[in-house]
Amino acid sequence: MVEGSASSGQLKRKLEELVSYLVRDNVIFDGTVLLTGTCIIPPDDFTLQDGDRVEIEIEGIGVLSNPVQAQVAVATP
């Protein structure tokens, strides 16, 4: 398990700069969300496995939970 917390104050680029890249080549609609990732870095030997779950919680909003599923190879004719 890798756990940690981060704030937007730790981002290398300021919000205004990130938004300027977003609006430069994209139409922005009401409700658009800019996802930045985090500065939480797992150890080098960390690998997600089938059945793992990635969860991100934002206080006052809720939890986003994504299950990890192994890719199934599809045979090509």
PDB file of N, CA and C in Angstrom:
ATOM      1  N   MET A   1       0.846  -1.168   0.000  1.00  0.00           N
ATOM      2  CA  MET A   1       0.000   0.000   0.000  1.00  0.00           C
ATOM      3  C   MET A   1       0.896   1.237   0.000  1.00  0.00           C
ATOM      4  N   VAL A   2       0.505   2.178  -0.823  1.00  0.00           N
ATOM      5  CA  VAL A   2       1.185   3.473  -0.847  1.00  0.00           C
ATOM      6  C   VAL A   2       0.156   4.500  -0.422  1.00  0.00           C
ATOM      7  N   GLU A   3       0.496   5.278   0.570  1.00  0.00           N
ATOM      8  CA  GLU A   3      -0.439   6.268   1.091  1.00  0.00           C
ATOM      9  C   GLU A   3       0.286   7.590   1.254  1.00  0.00           C
ATOM     10  N   GLY A   4      -0.427   8.659   1.069  1.00  0.00           N
ATOM     11  CA  GLY A   4       0.181   9.960   1.267  1.00  0.00           C
ATOM     12  C   GLY A   4      -0.842  11.048   1.058  1.00  0.00           C
ATOM     13  N   SER A   5      -0.420  12.255   1.265  1.00  0.00           N
ATOM     14  CA  SER A   5      -1.309  13.388   1.006  1.00  0.00           C
ATOM     15  C   SER A   5      -0.488  14.504   0.380  1.00  0.00           C
ATOM     16  N   ALA A   6      -1.177  15.342  -0.380  1.00  0.00           N
ATOM     17  CA  ALA A   6      -0.511  16.451  -1.062  1.00  0.00           C
ATOM     18  C   ALA A   6      -1.509  17.586  -1.212  1.00  0.00           C
ATOM     19  N   SER A   7      -0.988  18.771  -1.449  1.00  0.00           N
ATOM     20  CA  SER A   7      -1.871  19.917  -1.676  1.00  0.00           C
ATOM     21  C   SER A   7      -1.482  20.591  -2.983  1.00  0.00           C
ATOM     22  N   SER A   8      -2.385  21.392  -3.514  1.00  0.00           N
ATOM     23  CA  SER A   8      -2.104  22.086  -4.776  1.00  0.00           C
ATOM     24  C   SER A   8      -0.938  23.062  -4.625  1.00  0.00           C
ATOM     25  N   GLY A   9      -0.612  23.462  -3.409  1.00  0.00           N
ATOM     26  CA  GLY A   9       0.527  24.339  -3.177  1.00  0.00           C
ATOM     27  C   GLY A   9       1.861  23.671  -3.498  1.00  0.00           C
ATOM     28  N   GLN A  10       1.869  22.348  -3.615  1.00  0.00           N
ATOM     29  CA  GLN A  10       3.093  21.612  -3.923  1.00  0.00           C
ATOM     30  C   GLN A  10       3.310  21.430  -5.426  1.00  0.00           C
ATOM     31  N   LEU A  11       2.360  21.863  -6.263  1.00  0.00           N
ATOM     32  CA  LEU A  11       2.510  21.721  -7.707  1.00  0.00           C
ATOM     33  C   LEU A  11       3.675  22.568  -8.206  1.00  0.00           C
ATOM     34  N   LYS A  12       4.396  22.068  -9.211  1.00  0.00           N
ATOM     35  CA  LYS A  12       5.525  22.816  -9.773  1.00  0.00           C
ATOM     36  C   LYS A  12       5.046  24.002 -10.595  1.00  0.00           C
ATOM     37  N   ARG A  13       3.889  23.875 -11.233  1.00  0.00           N
ATOM     38  CA  ARG A  13       3.343  24.970 -12.036  1.00  0.00           C
ATOM     39  C   ARG A  13       2.133  25.558 -11.322  1.00  0.00           C
ATOM     40  N   LYS A  14       1.940  26.828 -11.474  1.00  0.00           N
ATOM     41  CA  LYS A  14       0.793  27.515 -10.866  1.00  0.00           C
ATOM     42  C   LYS A  14      -0.479  27.177 -11.643  1.00  0.00           C
ATOM     43  N   LEU A  15      -1.614  27.250 -10.975  1.00  0.00           N
ATOM     44  CA  LEU A  15      -2.904  26.937 -11.584  1.00  0.00           C
ATOM     45  C   LEU A  15      -3.133  27.762 -12.855  1.00  0.00           C
ATOM     46  N   GLU A  16      -2.775  29.029 -12.831  1.00  0.00           N
ATOM     47  CA  GLU A  16      -2.992  29.903 -13.993  1.00  0.00           C
ATOM     48  C   GLU A  16      -2.241  29.387 -15.221  1.00  0.00           C
ATOM     49  N   GLU A  17      -1.024  28.889 -15.015  1.00  0.00           N
ATOM     50  CA  GLU A  17      -0.232  28.353 -16.130  1.00  0.00           C
ATOM     51  C   GLU A  17      -0.872  27.082 -16.686  1.00  0.00           C
ATOM     52  N   LEU A  18      -1.322  26.197 -15.801  1.00  0.00           N
ATOM     53  CA  LEU A  18      -1.965  24.962 -16.239  1.00  0.00           C
ATOM     54  C   LEU A  18      -3.241  25.259 -17.032  1.00  0.00           C
ATOM     55  N   VAL A  19      -4.036  26.197 -16.540  1.00  0.00           N
ATOM     56  CA  VAL A  19      -5.274  26.571 -17.232  1.00  0.00           C
ATOM     57  C   VAL A  19      -4.959  27.174 -18.593  1.00  0.00           C
ATOM     58  N   SER A  20      -3.903  27.966 -18.694  1.00  0.00           N
ATOM     59  CA  SER A  20      -3.558  28.575 -19.987  1.00  0.00           C
ATOM     60  C   SER A  20      -3.235  27.503 -21.028  1.00  0.00           C
ATOM     61  N   TYR A  21      -2.580  26.409 -20.625  1.00  0.00           N
ATOM     62  CA  TYR A  21      -2.324  25.301 -21.551  1.00  0.00           C
ATOM     63  C   TYR A  21      -3.639  24.619 -21.953  1.00  0.00           C
ATOM     64  N   LEU A  22      -4.538  24.449 -21.005  1.00  0.00           N
ATOM     65  CA  LEU A  22      -5.812  23.781 -21.264  1.00  0.00           C
ATOM     66  C   LEU A  22      -6.659  24.565 -22.266  1.00  0.00           C
ATOM     67  N   VAL A  23      -6.768  25.873 -22.086  1.00  0.00           N
ATOM     68  CA  VAL A  23      -7.664  26.677 -22.933  1.00  0.00           C
ATOM     69  C   VAL A  23      -7.037  27.030 -24.278  1.00  0.00           C
ATOM     70  N   ARG A  24      -5.742  26.862 -24.415  1.00  0.00           N
ATOM     71  CA  ARG A  24      -5.073  27.237 -25.658  1.00  0.00           C
ATOM     72  C   ARG A  24      -5.621  26.464 -26.866  1.00  0.00           C
ATOM     73  N   ASP A  25      -5.862  25.175 -26.718  1.00  0.00           N
ATOM     74  CA  ASP A  25      -6.287  24.338 -27.844  1.00  0.00           C
ATOM     75  C   ASP A  25      -7.571  23.561 -27.585  1.00  0.00           C
ATOM     76  N   ASN A  26      -8.319  23.929 -26.552  1.00  0.00           N
ATOM     77  CA  ASN A  26      -9.518  23.177 -26.198  1.00  0.00           C
ATOM     78  C   ASN A  26     -10.691  24.107 -25.954  1.00  0.00           C
ATOM     79  N   VAL A  27     -11.874  23.624 -26.315  1.00  0.00           N
ATOM     80  CA  VAL A  27     -13.101  24.320 -25.951  1.00  0.00           C
ATOM     81  C   VAL A  27     -13.407  23.927 -24.511  1.00  0.00           C
ATOM     82  N   ILE A  28     -13.661  24.905 -23.668  1.00  0.00           N
ATOM     83  CA  ILE A  28     -13.915  24.643 -22.255  1.00  0.00           C
ATOM     84  C   ILE A  28     -15.403  24.814 -21.970  1.00  0.00           C
ATOM     85  N   PHE A  29     -16.009  23.800 -21.399  1.00  0.00           N
ATOM     86  CA  PHE A  29     -17.430  23.806 -21.071  1.00  0.00           C
ATOM     87  C   PHE A  29     -17.617  24.011 -19.572  1.00  0.00           C
ATOM     88  N   ASP A  30     -18.800  24.480 -19.169  1.00  0.00           N
ATOM     89  CA  ASP A  30     -19.124  24.583 -17.747  1.00  0.00           C
ATOM     90  C   ASP A  30     -18.912  23.224 -17.102  1.00  0.00           C
ATOM     91  N   GLY A  31     -18.291  23.202 -15.960  1.00  0.00           N
ATOM     92  CA  GLY A  31     -18.066  21.951 -15.241  1.00  0.00           C
ATOM     93  C   GLY A  31     -16.781  21.237 -15.624  1.00  0.00           C
ATOM     94  N   THR A  32     -15.978  21.830 -16.522  1.00  0.00           N
ATOM     95  CA  THR A  32     -14.705  21.220 -16.905  1.00  0.00           C
ATOM     96  C   THR A  32     -13.813  21.083 -15.676  1.00  0.00           C
ATOM     97  N   VAL A  33     -13.143  19.948 -15.557  1.00  0.00           N
ATOM     98  CA  VAL A  33     -12.257  19.678 -14.432  1.00  0.00           C
ATOM     99  C   VAL A  33     -10.842  19.500 -14.960  1.00  0.00           C
ATOM    100  N   LEU A  34      -9.880  20.136 -14.325  1.00  0.00           N
ATOM    101  CA  LEU A  34      -8.467  20.005 -14.675  1.00  0.00           C
ATOM    102  C   LEU A  34      -7.825  19.087 -13.644  1.00  0.00           C
ATOM    103  N   LEU A  35      -7.428  17.897 -14.071  1.00  0.00           N
ATOM    104  CA  LEU A  35      -6.801  16.927 -13.171  1.00  0.00           C
ATOM    105  C   LEU A  35      -5.285  17.042 -13.283  1.00  0.00           C
ATOM    106  N   THR A  36      -4.610  17.174 -12.162  1.00  0.00           N
ATOM    107  CA  THR A  36      -3.172  17.421 -12.165  1.00  0.00           C
ATOM    108  C   THR A  36      -2.335  16.254 -11.685  1.00  0.00           C
ATOM    109  N   GLY A  37      -2.942  15.234 -11.127  1.00  0.00           N
ATOM    110  CA  GLY A  37      -2.142  14.167 -10.525  1.00  0.00           C
ATOM    111  C   GLY A  37      -1.681  14.610  -9.148  1.00  0.00           C
ATOM    112  N   THR A  38      -0.737  13.885  -8.576  1.00  0.00           N
ATOM    113  CA  THR A  38      -0.240  14.228  -7.249  1.00  0.00           C
ATOM    114  C   THR A  38       1.277  14.212  -7.250  1.00  0.00           C
ATOM    115  N   CYS A  39       1.849  14.619  -6.150  1.00  0.00           N
ATOM    116  CA  CYS A  39       3.307  14.543  -6.004  1.00  0.00           C
ATOM    117  C   CYS A  39       3.676  13.353  -5.120  1.00  0.00           C
ATOM    118  N   ILE A  40       2.744  12.412  -4.969  1.00  0.00           N
ATOM    119  CA  ILE A  40       3.010  11.205  -4.186  1.00  0.00           C
ATOM    120  C   ILE A  40       3.642  10.175  -5.119  1.00  0.00           C
ATOM    121  N   ILE A  41       4.879   9.795  -4.838  1.00  0.00           N
ATOM    122  CA  ILE A  41       5.607   8.882  -5.717  1.00  0.00           C
ATOM    123  C   ILE A  41       5.881   7.579  -4.969  1.00  0.00           C
ATOM    124  N   PRO A  42       5.348   6.448  -5.496  1.00  0.00           N
ATOM    125  CA  PRO A  42       5.601   5.163  -4.829  1.00  0.00           C
ATOM    126  C   PRO A  42       7.038   4.709  -5.053  1.00  0.00           C
ATOM    127  N   PRO A  43       7.506   3.747  -4.258  1.00  0.00           N
ATOM    128  CA  PRO A  43       8.859   3.221  -4.423  1.00  0.00           C
ATOM    129  C   PRO A  43       9.045   2.574  -5.807  1.00  0.00           C
ATOM    130  N   ASP A  44      10.297   2.449  -6.252  1.00  0.00           N
ATOM    131  CA  ASP A  44      10.601   1.908  -7.584  1.00  0.00           C
ATOM    132  C   ASP A  44      10.043   0.505  -7.810  1.00  0.00           C
ATOM    133  N   ASP A  45      10.005  -0.318  -6.774  1.00  0.00           N
ATOM    134  CA  ASP A  45       9.561  -1.704  -6.951  1.00  0.00           C
ATOM    135  C   ASP A  45       8.040  -1.860  -6.850  1.00  0.00           C
ATOM    136  N   PHE A  46       7.297  -0.763  -6.799  1.00  0.00           N
ATOM    137  CA  PHE A  46       5.847  -0.804  -6.670  1.00  0.00           C
ATOM    138  C   PHE A  46       5.203  -1.059  -8.031  1.00  0.00           C
ATOM    139  N   THR A  47       4.279  -2.025  -8.095  1.00  0.00           N
ATOM    140  CA  THR A  47       3.523  -2.324  -9.303  1.00  0.00           C
ATOM    141  C   THR A  47       2.091  -2.657  -8.922  1.00  0.00           C
ATOM    142  N   LEU A  48       1.141  -2.064  -9.633  1.00  0.00           N
ATOM    143  CA  LEU A  48      -0.261  -2.412  -9.395  1.00  0.00           C
ATOM    144  C   LEU A  48      -0.518  -3.824  -9.894  1.00  0.00           C
ATOM    145  N   GLN A  49      -1.364  -4.549  -9.170  1.00  0.00           N
ATOM    146  CA  GLN A  49      -1.685  -5.926  -9.506  1.00  0.00           C
ATOM    147  C   GLN A  49      -3.186  -6.065  -9.737  1.00  0.00           C
ATOM    148  N   ASP A  50      -3.570  -7.100 -10.475  1.00  0.00           N
ATOM    149  CA  ASP A  50      -4.974  -7.395 -10.688  1.00  0.00           C
ATOM    150  C   ASP A  50      -5.671  -7.517  -9.331  1.00  0.00           C
ATOM    151  N   GLY A  51      -6.783  -6.831  -9.182  1.00  0.00           N
ATOM    152  CA  GLY A  51      -7.524  -6.859  -7.919  1.00  0.00           C
ATOM    153  C   GLY A  51      -7.211  -5.693  -6.990  1.00  0.00           C
ATOM    154  N   ASP A  52      -6.134  -4.961  -7.272  1.00  0.00           N
ATOM    155  CA  ASP A  52      -5.837  -3.770  -6.466  1.00  0.00           C
ATOM    156  C   ASP A  52      -6.905  -2.707  -6.710  1.00  0.00           C
ATOM    157  N   ARG A  53      -6.942  -1.733  -5.851  1.00  0.00           N
ATOM    158  CA  ARG A  53      -7.892  -0.631  -5.977  1.00  0.00           C
ATOM    159  C   ARG A  53      -7.132   0.670  -5.715  1.00  0.00           C
ATOM    160  N   VAL A  54      -7.328   1.638  -6.608  1.00  0.00           N
ATOM    161  CA  VAL A  54      -6.718   2.954  -6.444  1.00  0.00           C
ATOM    162  C   VAL A  54      -7.818   3.905  -5.983  1.00  0.00           C
ATOM    163  N   GLU A  55      -7.612   4.539  -4.840  1.00  0.00           N
ATOM    164  CA  GLU A  55      -8.623   5.433  -4.286  1.00  0.00           C
ATOM    165  C   GLU A  55      -8.018   6.800  -4.004  1.00  0.00           C
ATOM    166  N   ILE A  56      -8.784   7.811  -4.374  1.00  0.00           N
ATOM    167  CA  ILE A  56      -8.393   9.197  -4.102  1.00  0.00           C
ATOM    168  C   ILE A  56      -9.561   9.851  -3.396  1.00  0.00           C
ATOM    169  N   GLU A  57      -9.296  10.450  -2.238  1.00  0.00           N
ATOM    170  CA  GLU A  57     -10.348  11.105  -1.468  1.00  0.00           C
ATOM    171  C   GLU A  57     -10.100  12.602  -1.416  1.00  0.00           C
ATOM    172  N   ILE A  58     -11.152  13.349  -1.702  1.00  0.00           N
ATOM    173  CA  ILE A  58     -11.116  14.799  -1.550  1.00  0.00           C
ATOM    174  C   ILE A  58     -12.122  15.147  -0.460  1.00  0.00           C
ATOM    175  N   GLU A  59     -11.602  15.661   0.636  1.00  0.00           N
ATOM    176  CA  GLU A  59     -12.444  15.973   1.787  1.00  0.00           C
ATOM    177  C   GLU A  59     -13.580  16.902   1.382  1.00  0.00           C
ATOM    178  N   GLY A  60     -14.773  16.557   1.798  1.00  0.00           N
ATOM    179  CA  GLY A  60     -15.950  17.363   1.499  1.00  0.00           C
ATOM    180  C   GLY A  60     -16.588  17.040   0.163  1.00  0.00           C
ATOM    181  N   ILE A  61     -15.901  16.226  -0.669  1.00  0.00           N
ATOM    182  CA  ILE A  61     -16.458  15.855  -1.974  1.00  0.00           C
ATOM    183  C   ILE A  61     -16.759  14.360  -2.021  1.00  0.00           C
ATOM    184  N   GLY A  62     -15.769  13.542  -1.689  1.00  0.00           N
ATOM    185  CA  GLY A  62     -15.990  12.102  -1.707  1.00  0.00           C
ATOM    186  C   GLY A  62     -14.743  11.341  -2.116  1.00  0.00           C
ATOM    187  N   VAL A  63     -14.955  10.071  -2.481  1.00  0.00           N
ATOM    188  CA  VAL A  63     -13.868   9.163  -2.837  1.00  0.00           C
ATOM    189  C   VAL A  63     -14.066   8.682  -4.269  1.00  0.00           C
ATOM    190  N   LEU A  64     -12.990   8.746  -5.064  1.00  0.00           N
ATOM    191  CA  LEU A  64     -12.974   8.158  -6.399  1.00  0.00           C
ATOM    192  C   LEU A  64     -12.230   6.843  -6.265  1.00  0.00           C
ATOM    193  N   SER A  65     -12.868   5.746  -6.647  1.00  0.00           N
ATOM    194  CA  SER A  65     -12.281   4.428  -6.469  1.00  0.00           C
ATOM    195  C   SER A  65     -12.239   3.706  -7.816  1.00  0.00           C
ATOM    196  N   ASN A  66     -11.049   3.239  -8.207  1.00  0.00           N
ATOM    197  CA  ASN A  66     -10.868   2.541  -9.479  1.00  0.00           C
ATOM    198  C   ASN A  66     -10.236   1.180  -9.245  1.00  0.00           C
ATOM    199  N   PRO A  67     -10.942   0.097  -9.630  1.00  0.00           N
ATOM    200  CA  PRO A  67     -10.349  -1.230  -9.507  1.00  0.00           C
ATOM    201  C   PRO A  67      -9.335  -1.469 -10.627  1.00  0.00           C
ATOM    202  N   VAL A  68      -8.311  -2.243 -10.325  1.00  0.00           N
ATOM    203  CA  VAL A  68      -7.298  -2.602 -11.315  1.00  0.00           C
ATOM    204  C   VAL A  68      -7.641  -3.993 -11.831  1.00  0.00           C
ATOM    205  N   GLN A  69      -7.697  -4.116 -13.165  1.00  0.00           N
ATOM    206  CA  GLN A  69      -7.966  -5.419 -13.795  1.00  0.00           C
ATOM    207  C   GLN A  69      -6.867  -5.715 -14.795  1.00  0.00           C
ATOM    208  N   ALA A  70      -6.361  -6.942 -14.743  1.00  0.00           N
ATOM    209  CA  ALA A  70      -5.331  -7.346 -15.696  1.00  0.00           C
ATOM    210  C   ALA A  70      -5.915  -7.347 -17.094  1.00  0.00           C
ATOM    211  N   GLN A  71      -5.096  -6.952 -18.063  1.00  0.00           N
ATOM    212  CA  GLN A  71      -5.532  -6.975 -19.446  1.00  0.00           C
ATOM    213  C   GLN A  71      -5.577  -8.418 -19.933  1.00  0.00           C
ATOM    214  N   VAL A  72      -6.628  -8.731 -20.660  1.00  0.00           N
ATOM    215  CA  VAL A  72      -6.765 -10.070 -21.228  1.00  0.00           C
ATOM    216  C   VAL A  72      -6.294 -10.009 -22.681  1.00  0.00           C
ATOM    217  N   ALA A  73      -5.365 -10.867 -23.025  1.00  0.00           N
ATOM    218  CA  ALA A  73      -4.868 -10.902 -24.406  1.00  0.00           C
ATOM    219  C   ALA A  73      -5.963 -11.386 -25.339  1.00  0.00           C
ATOM    220  N   VAL A  74      -6.124 -10.671 -26.463  1.00  0.00           N
ATOM    221  CA  VAL A  74      -7.125 -11.050 -27.455  1.00  0.00           C
ATOM    222  C   VAL A  74      -6.387 -11.583 -28.678  1.00  0.00           C
ATOM    223  N   ALA A  75      -6.736 -12.785 -29.074  1.00  0.00           N
ATOM    224  CA  ALA A  75      -6.109 -13.385 -30.242  1.00  0.00           C
ATOM    225  C   ALA A  75      -6.599 -12.701 -31.510  1.00  0.00           C
ATOM    226  N   THR A  76      -5.671 -12.424 -32.406  1.00  0.00           N
ATOM    227  CA  THR A  76      -6.057 -11.830 -33.693  1.00  0.00           C
ATOM    228  C   THR A  76      -6.026 -12.911 -34.767  1.00  0.00           C
ATOM    229  N   PRO A  77      -7.041 -12.895 -35.623  1.00  0.00           N
ATOM    230  CA  PRO A  77      -7.112 -13.956 -36.667  1.00  0.00           C
ATOM    231  C   PRO A  77      -6.029 -13.821 -37.697  1.00  0.00           C
TER     232      PRO A  77
END
